[in-house]
Amino acid sequence: MGRSKKKTDISIFLDDTGKIKQIPVPNRTKIPVLEYLAGKFEAGRNYSEKEVNGIISQWHTFEDYFILRRLLVDYGLLDRTPNGAKYWMIIRENEETGDV
């Protein structure tokens, strides 16, 4: 339909195993890095906080899963119950239809 969005190259923020090695500051690169991390979660599945922390820990190198978990929620990629007991991936309209 419209023009396809140019995909941002996030490789500078990943190590040679695909782990995030730093969080970019500008949103133009921060959001794609967070989307990359969110892609490690399964749609339609609920996760405990411990499971979320474990997945995030597997995909970054700087030992700060707290900030990454918070950013995933703040940027609308994961949602959680008010008490933080359950987390899930937010499915965006274009992802459900396959239009990314």
PDB file of N, CA and C in Angstrom:
ATOM      1  N   MET A   1       0.834  -1.171   0.000  1.00  0.00           N
ATOM      2  CA  MET A   1       0.000   0.000   0.000  1.00  0.00           C
ATOM      3  C   MET A   1       0.887   1.245   0.000  1.00  0.00           C
ATOM      4  N   GLY A   2       1.534   1.582   1.141  1.00  0.00           N
ATOM      5  CA  GLY A   2       2.425   2.727   1.190  1.00  0.00           C
ATOM      6  C   GLY A   2       3.848   2.277   1.021  1.00  0.00           C
ATOM      7  N   ARG A   3       4.727   3.239   1.168  1.00  0.00           N
ATOM      8  CA  ARG A   3       6.138   2.898   1.107  1.00  0.00           C
ATOM      9  C   ARG A   3       6.535   2.072   2.316  1.00  0.00           C
ATOM     10  N   SER A   4       7.439   1.140   2.112  1.00  0.00           N
ATOM     11  CA  SER A   4       7.889   0.345   3.255  1.00  0.00           C
ATOM     12  C   SER A   4       8.892   1.174   4.058  1.00  0.00           C
ATOM     13  N   LYS A   5       8.820   1.000   5.369  1.00  0.00           N
ATOM     14  CA  LYS A   5       9.722   1.708   6.267  1.00  0.00           C
ATOM     15  C   LYS A   5      11.132   1.183   6.083  1.00  0.00           C
ATOM     16  N   LYS A   6      12.087   2.097   6.069  1.00  0.00           N
ATOM     17  CA  LYS A   6      13.483   1.670   5.995  1.00  0.00           C
ATOM     18  C   LYS A   6      13.865   1.051   7.336  1.00  0.00           C
ATOM     19  N   LYS A   7      14.426  -0.122   7.300  1.00  0.00           N
ATOM     20  CA  LYS A   7      14.816  -0.828   8.512  1.00  0.00           C
ATOM     21  C   LYS A   7      16.119  -0.229   9.049  1.00  0.00           C
ATOM     22  N   THR A   8      16.111   0.099  10.337  1.00  0.00           N
ATOM     23  CA  THR A   8      17.285   0.667  10.984  1.00  0.00           C
ATOM     24  C   THR A   8      18.299  -0.430  11.281  1.00  0.00           C
ATOM     25  N   ASP A   9      19.548  -0.177  10.941  1.00  0.00           N
ATOM     26  CA  ASP A   9      20.616  -1.129  11.223  1.00  0.00           C
ATOM     27  C   ASP A   9      21.019  -0.997  12.691  1.00  0.00           C
ATOM     28  N   ILE A  10      20.765  -2.043  13.472  1.00  0.00           N
ATOM     29  CA  ILE A  10      21.090  -2.000  14.906  1.00  0.00           C
ATOM     30  C   ILE A  10      22.346  -2.809  15.229  1.00  0.00           C
ATOM     31  N   SER A  11      23.041  -3.283  14.208  1.00  0.00           N
ATOM     32  CA  SER A  11      24.180  -4.177  14.439  1.00  0.00           C
ATOM     33  C   SER A  11      25.271  -3.542  15.304  1.00  0.00           C
ATOM     34  N   ILE A  12      25.419  -2.242  15.262  1.00  0.00           N
ATOM     35  CA  ILE A  12      26.427  -1.571  16.089  1.00  0.00           C
ATOM     36  C   ILE A  12      26.142  -1.744  17.588  1.00  0.00           C
ATOM     37  N   PHE A  13      24.887  -2.031  17.927  1.00  0.00           N
ATOM     38  CA  PHE A  13      24.489  -2.190  19.324  1.00  0.00           C
ATOM     39  C   PHE A  13      24.468  -3.647  19.775  1.00  0.00           C
ATOM     40  N   LEU A  14      24.852  -4.563  18.876  1.00  0.00           N
ATOM     41  CA  LEU A  14      24.844  -5.996  19.176  1.00  0.00           C
ATOM     42  C   LEU A  14      26.260  -6.548  19.119  1.00  0.00           C
ATOM     43  N   ASP A  15      26.528  -7.541  19.974  1.00  0.00           N
ATOM     44  CA  ASP A  15      27.830  -8.201  19.882  1.00  0.00           C
ATOM     45  C   ASP A  15      27.767  -9.281  18.807  1.00  0.00           C
ATOM     46  N   ASP A  16      28.835 -10.041  18.654  1.00  0.00           N
ATOM     47  CA  ASP A  16      28.882 -11.037  17.575  1.00  0.00           C
ATOM     48  C   ASP A  16      27.961 -12.230  17.804  1.00  0.00           C
ATOM     49  N   THR A  17      27.357 -12.336  18.994  1.00  0.00           N
ATOM     50  CA  THR A  17      26.389 -13.411  19.247  1.00  0.00           C
ATOM     51  C   THR A  17      24.943 -12.901  19.191  1.00  0.00           C
ATOM     52  N   GLY A  18      24.774 -11.610  18.863  1.00  0.00           N
ATOM     53  CA  GLY A  18      23.438 -11.044  18.761  1.00  0.00           C
ATOM     54  C   GLY A  18      22.897 -10.474  20.064  1.00  0.00           C
ATOM     55  N   LYS A  19      23.749 -10.370  21.076  1.00  0.00           N
ATOM     56  CA  LYS A  19      23.313  -9.803  22.350  1.00  0.00           C
ATOM     57  C   LYS A  19      23.464  -8.283  22.321  1.00  0.00           C
ATOM     58  N   ILE A  20      22.520  -7.602  22.965  1.00  0.00           N
ATOM     59  CA  ILE A  20      22.566  -6.148  23.044  1.00  0.00           C
ATOM     60  C   ILE A  20      23.723  -5.761  23.960  1.00  0.00           C
ATOM     61  N   LYS A  21      24.608  -4.896  23.463  1.00  0.00           N
ATOM     62  CA  LYS A  21      25.759  -4.494  24.271  1.00  0.00           C
ATOM     63  C   LYS A  21      25.636  -3.079  24.819  1.00  0.00           C
ATOM     64  N   GLN A  22      24.698  -2.297  24.289  1.00  0.00           N
ATOM     65  CA  GLN A  22      24.413  -0.984  24.851  1.00  0.00           C
ATOM     66  C   GLN A  22      23.046  -0.525  24.383  1.00  0.00           C
ATOM     67  N   ILE A  23      22.440   0.345  25.183  1.00  0.00           N
ATOM     68  CA  ILE A  23      21.137   0.902  24.835  1.00  0.00           C
ATOM     69  C   ILE A  23      21.372   2.234  24.128  1.00  0.00           C
ATOM     70  N   PRO A  24      20.901   2.358  22.901  1.00  0.00           N
ATOM     71  CA  PRO A  24      21.064   3.629  22.204  1.00  0.00           C
ATOM     72  C   PRO A  24      20.265   4.738  22.890  1.00  0.00           C
ATOM     73  N   VAL A  25      20.717   5.965  22.738  1.00  0.00           N
ATOM     74  CA  VAL A  25      20.012   7.096  23.336  1.00  0.00           C
ATOM     75  C   VAL A  25      18.891   7.605  22.436  1.00  0.00           C
ATOM     76  N   PRO A  26      19.159   7.895  21.162  1.00  0.00           N
ATOM     77  CA  PRO A  26      18.058   8.433  20.341  1.00  0.00           C
ATOM     78  C   PRO A  26      16.988   7.367  20.066  1.00  0.00           C
ATOM     79  N   ASN A  27      15.734   7.799  20.091  1.00  0.00           N
ATOM     80  CA  ASN A  27      14.625   6.865  19.848  1.00  0.00           C
ATOM     81  C   ASN A  27      14.714   6.195  18.486  1.00  0.00           C
ATOM     82  N   ARG A  28      15.288   6.867  17.497  1.00  0.00           N
ATOM     83  CA  ARG A  28      15.348   6.280  16.149  1.00  0.00           C
ATOM     84  C   ARG A  28      16.137   4.971  16.136  1.00  0.00           C
ATOM     85  N   THR A  29      17.048   4.806  17.104  1.00  0.00           N
ATOM     86  CA  THR A  29      17.773   3.537  17.214  1.00  0.00           C
ATOM     87  C   THR A  29      17.375   2.759  18.461  1.00  0.00           C
ATOM     88  N   LYS A  30      16.940   3.445  19.502  1.00  0.00           N
ATOM     89  CA  LYS A  30      16.530   2.748  20.728  1.00  0.00           C
ATOM     90  C   LYS A  30      15.319   1.854  20.461  1.00  0.00           C
ATOM     91  N   ILE A  31      14.329   2.386  19.761  1.00  0.00           N
ATOM     92  CA  ILE A  31      13.099   1.617  19.512  1.00  0.00           C
ATOM     93  C   ILE A  31      13.391   0.342  18.706  1.00  0.00           C
ATOM     94  N   PRO A  32      14.153   0.393  17.611  1.00  0.00           N
ATOM     95  CA  PRO A  32      14.468  -0.863  16.910  1.00  0.00           C
ATOM     96  C   PRO A  32      15.219  -1.881  17.772  1.00  0.00           C
ATOM     97  N   VAL A  33      16.101  -1.416  18.655  1.00  0.00           N
ATOM     98  CA  VAL A  33      16.809  -2.337  19.553  1.00  0.00           C
ATOM     99  C   VAL A  33      15.815  -2.983  20.512  1.00  0.00           C
ATOM    100  N   LEU A  34      14.900  -2.191  21.055  1.00  0.00           N
ATOM    101  CA  LEU A  34      13.875  -2.741  21.957  1.00  0.00           C
ATOM    102  C   LEU A  34      12.936  -3.688  21.215  1.00  0.00           C
ATOM    103  N   GLU A  35      12.601  -3.364  19.966  1.00  0.00           N
ATOM    104  CA  GLU A  35      11.762  -4.265  19.163  1.00  0.00           C
ATOM    105  C   GLU A  35      12.488  -5.590  18.909  1.00  0.00           C
ATOM    106  N   TYR A  36      13.778  -5.520  18.684  1.00  0.00           N
ATOM    107  CA  TYR A  36      14.594  -6.730  18.520  1.00  0.00           C
ATOM    108  C   TYR A  36      14.496  -7.596  19.775  1.00  0.00           C
ATOM    109  N   LEU A  37      14.638  -6.970  20.933  1.00  0.00           N
ATOM    110  CA  LEU A  37      14.544  -7.706  22.188  1.00  0.00           C
ATOM    111  C   LEU A  37      13.133  -8.254  22.407  1.00  0.00           C
ATOM    112  N   ALA A  38      12.127  -7.455  22.114  1.00  0.00           N
ATOM    113  CA  ALA A  38      10.736  -7.907  22.273  1.00  0.00           C
ATOM    114  C   ALA A  38      10.452  -9.122  21.386  1.00  0.00           C
ATOM    115  N   GLY A  39      11.147  -9.212  20.271  1.00  0.00           N
ATOM    116  CA  GLY A  39      10.980 -10.347  19.366  1.00  0.00           C
ATOM    117  C   GLY A  39      11.434 -11.675  19.956  1.00  0.00           C
ATOM    118  N   LYS A  40      12.091 -11.632  21.095  1.00  0.00           N
ATOM    119  CA  LYS A  40      12.532 -12.860  21.769  1.00  0.00           C
ATOM    120  C   LYS A  40      11.407 -13.468  22.616  1.00  0.00           C
ATOM    121  N   PHE A  41      10.290 -12.746  22.728  1.00  0.00           N
ATOM    122  CA  PHE A  41       9.134 -13.230  23.485  1.00  0.00           C
ATOM    123  C   PHE A  41       8.090 -13.791  22.527  1.00  0.00           C
ATOM    124  N   GLU A  42       7.315 -14.758  23.007  1.00  0.00           N
ATOM    125  CA  GLU A  42       6.265 -15.375  22.202  1.00  0.00           C
ATOM    126  C   GLU A  42       4.970 -14.598  22.370  1.00  0.00           C
ATOM    127  N   ALA A  43       4.335 -14.293  21.249  1.00  0.00           N
ATOM    128  CA  ALA A  43       3.031 -13.625  21.284  1.00  0.00           C
ATOM    129  C   ALA A  43       1.993 -14.569  21.876  1.00  0.00           C
ATOM    130  N   GLY A  44       1.083 -14.017  22.652  1.00  0.00           N
ATOM    131  CA  GLY A  44      -0.003 -14.805  23.216  1.00  0.00           C
ATOM    132  C   GLY A  44       0.362 -15.603  24.456  1.00  0.00           C
ATOM    133  N   ARG A  45       1.554 -15.418  24.962  1.00  0.00           N
ATOM    134  CA  ARG A  45       1.998 -16.156  26.148  1.00  0.00           C
ATOM    135  C   ARG A  45       2.189 -15.188  27.312  1.00  0.00           C
ATOM    136  N   ASN A  46       1.815 -15.621  28.495  1.00  0.00           N
ATOM    137  CA  ASN A  46       2.073 -14.852  29.712  1.00  0.00           C
ATOM    138  C   ASN A  46       3.383 -15.315  30.326  1.00  0.00           C
ATOM    139  N   TYR A  47       4.122 -14.360  30.865  1.00  0.00           N
ATOM    140  CA  TYR A  47       5.407 -14.635  31.494  1.00  0.00           C
ATOM    141  C   TYR A  47       5.405 -14.110  32.918  1.00  0.00           C
ATOM    142  N   SER A  48       6.073 -14.806  33.808  1.00  0.00           N
ATOM    143  CA  SER A  48       6.303 -14.273  35.146  1.00  0.00           C
ATOM    144  C   SER A  48       7.434 -13.245  35.040  1.00  0.00           C
ATOM    145  N   GLU A  49       7.582 -12.422  36.073  1.00  0.00           N
ATOM    146  CA  GLU A  49       8.676 -11.449  36.067  1.00  0.00           C
ATOM    147  C   GLU A  49      10.028 -12.163  35.983  1.00  0.00           C
ATOM    148  N   LYS A  50      10.135 -13.280  36.677  1.00  0.00           N
ATOM    149  CA  LYS A  50      11.378 -14.056  36.651  1.00  0.00           C
ATOM    150  C   LYS A  50      11.698 -14.549  35.235  1.00  0.00           C
ATOM    151  N   GLU A  51      10.675 -15.016  34.505  1.00  0.00           N
ATOM    152  CA  GLU A  51      10.892 -15.470  33.134  1.00  0.00           C
ATOM    153  C   GLU A  51      11.310 -14.306  32.228  1.00  0.00           C
ATOM    154  N   VAL A  52      10.670 -13.163  32.396  1.00  0.00           N
ATOM    155  CA  VAL A  52      11.028 -11.977  31.607  1.00  0.00           C
ATOM    156  C   VAL A  52      12.487 -11.612  31.879  1.00  0.00           C
ATOM    157  N   ASN A  53      12.850 -11.570  33.141  1.00  0.00           N
ATOM    158  CA  ASN A  53      14.226 -11.238  33.506  1.00  0.00           C
ATOM    159  C   ASN A  53      15.212 -12.232  32.894  1.00  0.00           C
ATOM    160  N   GLY A  54      14.849 -13.508  32.898  1.00  0.00           N
ATOM    161  CA  GLY A  54      15.714 -14.537  32.327  1.00  0.00           C
ATOM    162  C   GLY A  54      15.920 -14.369  30.836  1.00  0.00           C
ATOM    163  N   ILE A  55      14.845 -14.082  30.109  1.00  0.00           N
ATOM    164  CA  ILE A  55      14.951 -13.885  28.653  1.00  0.00           C
ATOM    165  C   ILE A  55      15.795 -12.650  28.362  1.00  0.00           C
ATOM    166  N   ILE A  56      15.505 -11.561  29.053  1.00  0.00           N
ATOM    167  CA  ILE A  56      16.276 -10.337  28.835  1.00  0.00           C
ATOM    168  C   ILE A  56      17.753 -10.580  29.158  1.00  0.00           C
ATOM    169  N   SER A  57      18.026 -11.285  30.239  1.00  0.00           N
ATOM    170  CA  SER A  57      19.412 -11.556  30.630  1.00  0.00           C
ATOM    171  C   SER A  57      20.171 -12.348  29.573  1.00  0.00           C
ATOM    172  N   GLN A  58      19.464 -13.209  28.848  1.00  0.00           N
ATOM    173  CA  GLN A  58      20.101 -14.000  27.785  1.00  0.00           C
ATOM    174  C   GLN A  58      20.481 -13.151  26.579  1.00  0.00           C
ATOM    175  N   TRP A  59      19.858 -11.970  26.439  1.00  0.00           N
ATOM    176  CA  TRP A  59      20.009 -11.180  25.218  1.00  0.00           C
ATOM    177  C   TRP A  59      20.660  -9.823  25.418  1.00  0.00           C
ATOM    178  N   HIS A  60      21.408  -9.644  26.511  1.00  0.00           N
ATOM    179  CA  HIS A  60      22.213  -8.435  26.663  1.00  0.00           C
ATOM    180  C   HIS A  60      23.468  -8.748  27.466  1.00  0.00           C
ATOM    181  N   THR A  61      24.429  -7.836  27.402  1.00  0.00           N
ATOM    182  CA  THR A  61      25.740  -8.104  27.995  1.00  0.00           C
ATOM    183  C   THR A  61      26.084  -7.226  29.186  1.00  0.00           C
ATOM    184  N   PHE A  62      25.237  -6.279  29.550  1.00  0.00           N
ATOM    185  CA  PHE A  62      25.646  -5.295  30.556  1.00  0.00           C
ATOM    186  C   PHE A  62      24.951  -5.450  31.897  1.00  0.00           C
ATOM    187  N   GLU A  63      24.370  -6.611  32.160  1.00  0.00           N
ATOM    188  CA  GLU A  63      23.841  -6.967  33.482  1.00  0.00           C
ATOM    189  C   GLU A  63      22.828  -5.983  34.062  1.00  0.00           C
ATOM    190  N   ASP A  64      21.923  -5.465  33.227  1.00  0.00           N
ATOM    191  CA  ASP A  64      20.906  -4.543  33.731  1.00  0.00           C
ATOM    192  C   ASP A  64      19.549  -4.873  33.113  1.00  0.00           C
ATOM    193  N   TYR A  65      19.011  -6.040  33.481  1.00  0.00           N
ATOM    194  CA  TYR A  65      17.717  -6.428  32.920  1.00  0.00           C
ATOM    195  C   TYR A  65      16.596  -5.518  33.419  1.00  0.00           C
ATOM    196  N   PHE A  66      16.792  -4.863  34.564  1.00  0.00           N
ATOM    197  CA  PHE A  66      15.753  -3.976  35.109  1.00  0.00           C
ATOM    198  C   PHE A  66      15.408  -2.855  34.128  1.00  0.00           C
ATOM    199  N   ILE A  67      16.438  -2.165  33.633  1.00  0.00           N
ATOM    200  CA  ILE A  67      16.194  -1.037  32.733  1.00  0.00           C
ATOM    201  C   ILE A  67      15.588  -1.514  31.420  1.00  0.00           C
ATOM    202  N   LEU A  68      16.047  -2.639  30.911  1.00  0.00           N
ATOM    203  CA  LEU A  68      15.489  -3.146  29.653  1.00  0.00           C
ATOM    204  C   LEU A  68      14.034  -3.570  29.836  1.00  0.00           C
ATOM    205  N   ARG A  69      13.707  -4.215  30.943  1.00  0.00           N
ATOM    206  CA  ARG A  69      12.317  -4.598  31.213  1.00  0.00           C
ATOM    207  C   ARG A  69      11.439  -3.351  31.289  1.00  0.00           C
ATOM    208  N   ARG A  70      11.909  -2.345  32.003  1.00  0.00           N
ATOM    209  CA  ARG A  70      11.163  -1.092  32.147  1.00  0.00           C
ATOM    210  C   ARG A  70      10.959  -0.414  30.791  1.00  0.00           C
ATOM    211  N   LEU A  71      12.004  -0.385  29.961  1.00  0.00           N
ATOM    212  CA  LEU A  71      11.893   0.227  28.640  1.00  0.00           C
ATOM    213  C   LEU A  71      10.924  -0.535  27.744  1.00  0.00           C
ATOM    214  N   LEU A  72      10.940  -1.862  27.813  1.00  0.00           N
ATOM    215  CA  LEU A  72       9.990  -2.652  27.008  1.00  0.00           C
ATOM    216  C   LEU A  72       8.549  -2.302  27.375  1.00  0.00           C
ATOM    217  N   VAL A  73       8.297  -2.092  28.651  1.00  0.00           N
ATOM    218  CA  VAL A  73       6.947  -1.704  29.100  1.00  0.00           C
ATOM    219  C   VAL A  73       6.666  -0.260  28.720  1.00  0.00           C
ATOM    220  N   ASP A  74       7.600   0.638  29.007  1.00  0.00           N
ATOM    221  CA  ASP A  74       7.400   2.066  28.726  1.00  0.00           C
ATOM    222  C   ASP A  74       7.178   2.350  27.244  1.00  0.00           C
ATOM    223  N   TYR A  75       7.832   1.597  26.380  1.00  0.00           N
ATOM    224  CA  TYR A  75       7.699   1.810  24.936  1.00  0.00           C
ATOM    225  C   TYR A  75       6.580   0.973  24.311  1.00  0.00           C
ATOM    226  N   GLY A  76       5.776   0.324  25.157  1.00  0.00           N
ATOM    227  CA  GLY A  76       4.593  -0.375  24.671  1.00  0.00           C
ATOM    228  C   GLY A  76       4.867  -1.670  23.938  1.00  0.00           C
ATOM    229  N   LEU A  77       5.975  -2.315  24.235  1.00  0.00           N
ATOM    230  CA  LEU A  77       6.294  -3.595  23.598  1.00  0.00           C
ATOM    231  C   LEU A  77       5.902  -4.777  24.474  1.00  0.00           C
ATOM    232  N   LEU A  78       5.951  -4.586  25.779  1.00  0.00           N
ATOM    233  CA  LEU A  78       5.432  -5.555  26.745  1.00  0.00           C
ATOM    234  C   LEU A  78       4.436  -4.826  27.636  1.00  0.00           C
ATOM    235  N   ASP A  79       3.479  -5.575  28.143  1.00  0.00           N
ATOM    236  CA  ASP A  79       2.561  -5.029  29.141  1.00  0.00           C
ATOM    237  C   ASP A  79       2.624  -5.935  30.357  1.00  0.00           C
ATOM    238  N   ARG A  80       2.055  -5.453  31.454  1.00  0.00           N
ATOM    239  CA  ARG A  80       2.110  -6.238  32.680  1.00  0.00           C
ATOM    240  C   ARG A  80       0.900  -5.936  33.544  1.00  0.00           C
ATOM    241  N   THR A  81       0.637  -6.825  34.476  1.00  0.00           N
ATOM    242  CA  THR A  81      -0.401  -6.575  35.460  1.00  0.00           C
ATOM    243  C   THR A  81       0.102  -5.484  36.404  1.00  0.00           C
ATOM    244  N   PRO A  82      -0.808  -4.782  37.099  1.00  0.00           N
ATOM    245  CA  PRO A  82      -0.373  -3.703  37.999  1.00  0.00           C
ATOM    246  C   PRO A  82       0.649  -4.139  39.059  1.00  0.00           C
ATOM    247  N   ASN A  83       0.560  -5.382  39.508  1.00  0.00           N
ATOM    248  CA  ASN A  83       1.517  -5.845  40.530  1.00  0.00           C
ATOM    249  C   ASN A  83       2.787  -6.460  39.926  1.00  0.00           C
ATOM    250  N   GLY A  84       2.885  -6.498  38.603  1.00  0.00           N
ATOM    251  CA  GLY A  84       4.080  -7.021  37.945  1.00  0.00           C
ATOM    252  C   GLY A  84       4.208  -8.527  37.971  1.00  0.00           C
ATOM    253  N   ALA A  85       3.126  -9.220  38.328  1.00  0.00           N
ATOM    254  CA  ALA A  85       3.188 -10.682  38.413  1.00  0.00           C
ATOM    255  C   ALA A  85       3.179 -11.349  37.037  1.00  0.00           C
ATOM    256  N   LYS A  86       2.521 -10.716  36.058  1.00  0.00           N
ATOM    257  CA  LYS A  86       2.420 -11.296  34.714  1.00  0.00           C
ATOM    258  C   LYS A  86       2.796 -10.248  33.679  1.00  0.00           C
ATOM    259  N   TYR A  87       3.526 -10.710  32.675  1.00  0.00           N
ATOM    260  CA  TYR A  87       3.917  -9.872  31.538  1.00  0.00           C
ATOM    261  C   TYR A  87       3.494 -10.580  30.263  1.00  0.00           C
ATOM    262  N   TRP A  88       3.272  -9.820  29.202  1.00  0.00           N
ATOM    263  CA  TRP A  88       2.961 -10.382  27.893  1.00  0.00           C
ATOM    264  C   TRP A  88       3.382  -9.404  26.813  1.00  0.00           C
ATOM    265  N   MET A  89       3.618  -9.942  25.629  1.00  0.00           N
ATOM    266  CA  MET A  89       3.999  -9.131  24.492  1.00  0.00           C
ATOM    267  C   MET A  89       2.761  -8.456  23.916  1.00  0.00           C
ATOM    268  N   ILE A  90       2.877  -7.181  23.622  1.00  0.00           N
ATOM    269  CA  ILE A  90       1.770  -6.453  23.006  1.00  0.00           C
ATOM    270  C   ILE A  90       1.839  -6.675  21.504  1.00  0.00           C
ATOM    271  N   ILE A  91       0.730  -7.112  20.951  1.00  0.00           N
ATOM    272  CA  ILE A  91       0.648  -7.340  19.506  1.00  0.00           C
ATOM    273  C   ILE A  91       0.099  -6.079  18.857  1.00  0.00           C
ATOM    274  N   ARG A  92       0.876  -5.528  17.971  1.00  0.00           N
ATOM    275  CA  ARG A  92       0.412  -4.343  17.239  1.00  0.00           C
ATOM    276  C   ARG A  92      -0.403  -4.787  16.040  1.00  0.00           C
ATOM    277  N   GLU A  93      -1.313  -3.948  15.635  1.00  0.00           N
ATOM    278  CA  GLU A  93      -2.233  -4.248  14.529  1.00  0.00           C
ATOM    279  C   GLU A  93      -1.504  -4.778  13.302  1.00  0.00           C
ATOM    280  N   ASN A  94      -0.450  -4.078  12.866  1.00  0.00           N
ATOM    281  CA  ASN A  94       0.254  -4.489  11.636  1.00  0.00           C
ATOM    282  C   ASN A  94       1.016  -5.799  11.810  1.00  0.00           C
ATOM    283  N   GLU A  95       1.355  -6.182  13.047  1.00  0.00           N
ATOM    284  CA  GLU A  95       2.043  -7.456  13.259  1.00  0.00           C
ATOM    285  C   GLU A  95       1.078  -8.625  13.153  1.00  0.00           C
ATOM    286  N   GLU A  96      -0.170  -8.409  13.555  1.00  0.00           N
ATOM    287  CA  GLU A  96      -1.168  -9.484  13.471  1.00  0.00           C
ATOM    288  C   GLU A  96      -1.460  -9.837  12.020  1.00  0.00           C
ATOM    289  N   THR A  97      -1.453  -8.849  11.139  1.00  0.00           N
ATOM    290  CA  THR A  97      -1.762  -9.101   9.747  1.00  0.00           C
ATOM    291  C   THR A  97      -0.544  -9.478   8.937  1.00  0.00           C
ATOM    292  N   GLY A  98       0.634  -9.378   9.574  1.00  0.00           N
ATOM    293  CA  GLY A  98       1.854  -9.692   8.856  1.00  0.00           C
ATOM    294  C   GLY A  98       2.438  -8.487   8.147  1.00  0.00           C
ATOM    295  N   ASP A  99       1.770  -7.328   8.252  1.00  0.00           N
ATOM    296  CA  ASP A  99       2.273  -6.104   7.628  1.00  0.00           C
ATOM    297  C   ASP A  99       3.187  -5.388   8.605  1.00  0.00           C
ATOM    298  N   VAL A 100       4.484  -5.631   8.471  1.00  0.00           N
ATOM    299  CA  VAL A 100       5.426  -5.022   9.411  1.00  0.00           C
ATOM    300  C   VAL A 100       6.106  -3.839   8.777  1.00  0.00           C
TER     301      VAL A 100
END
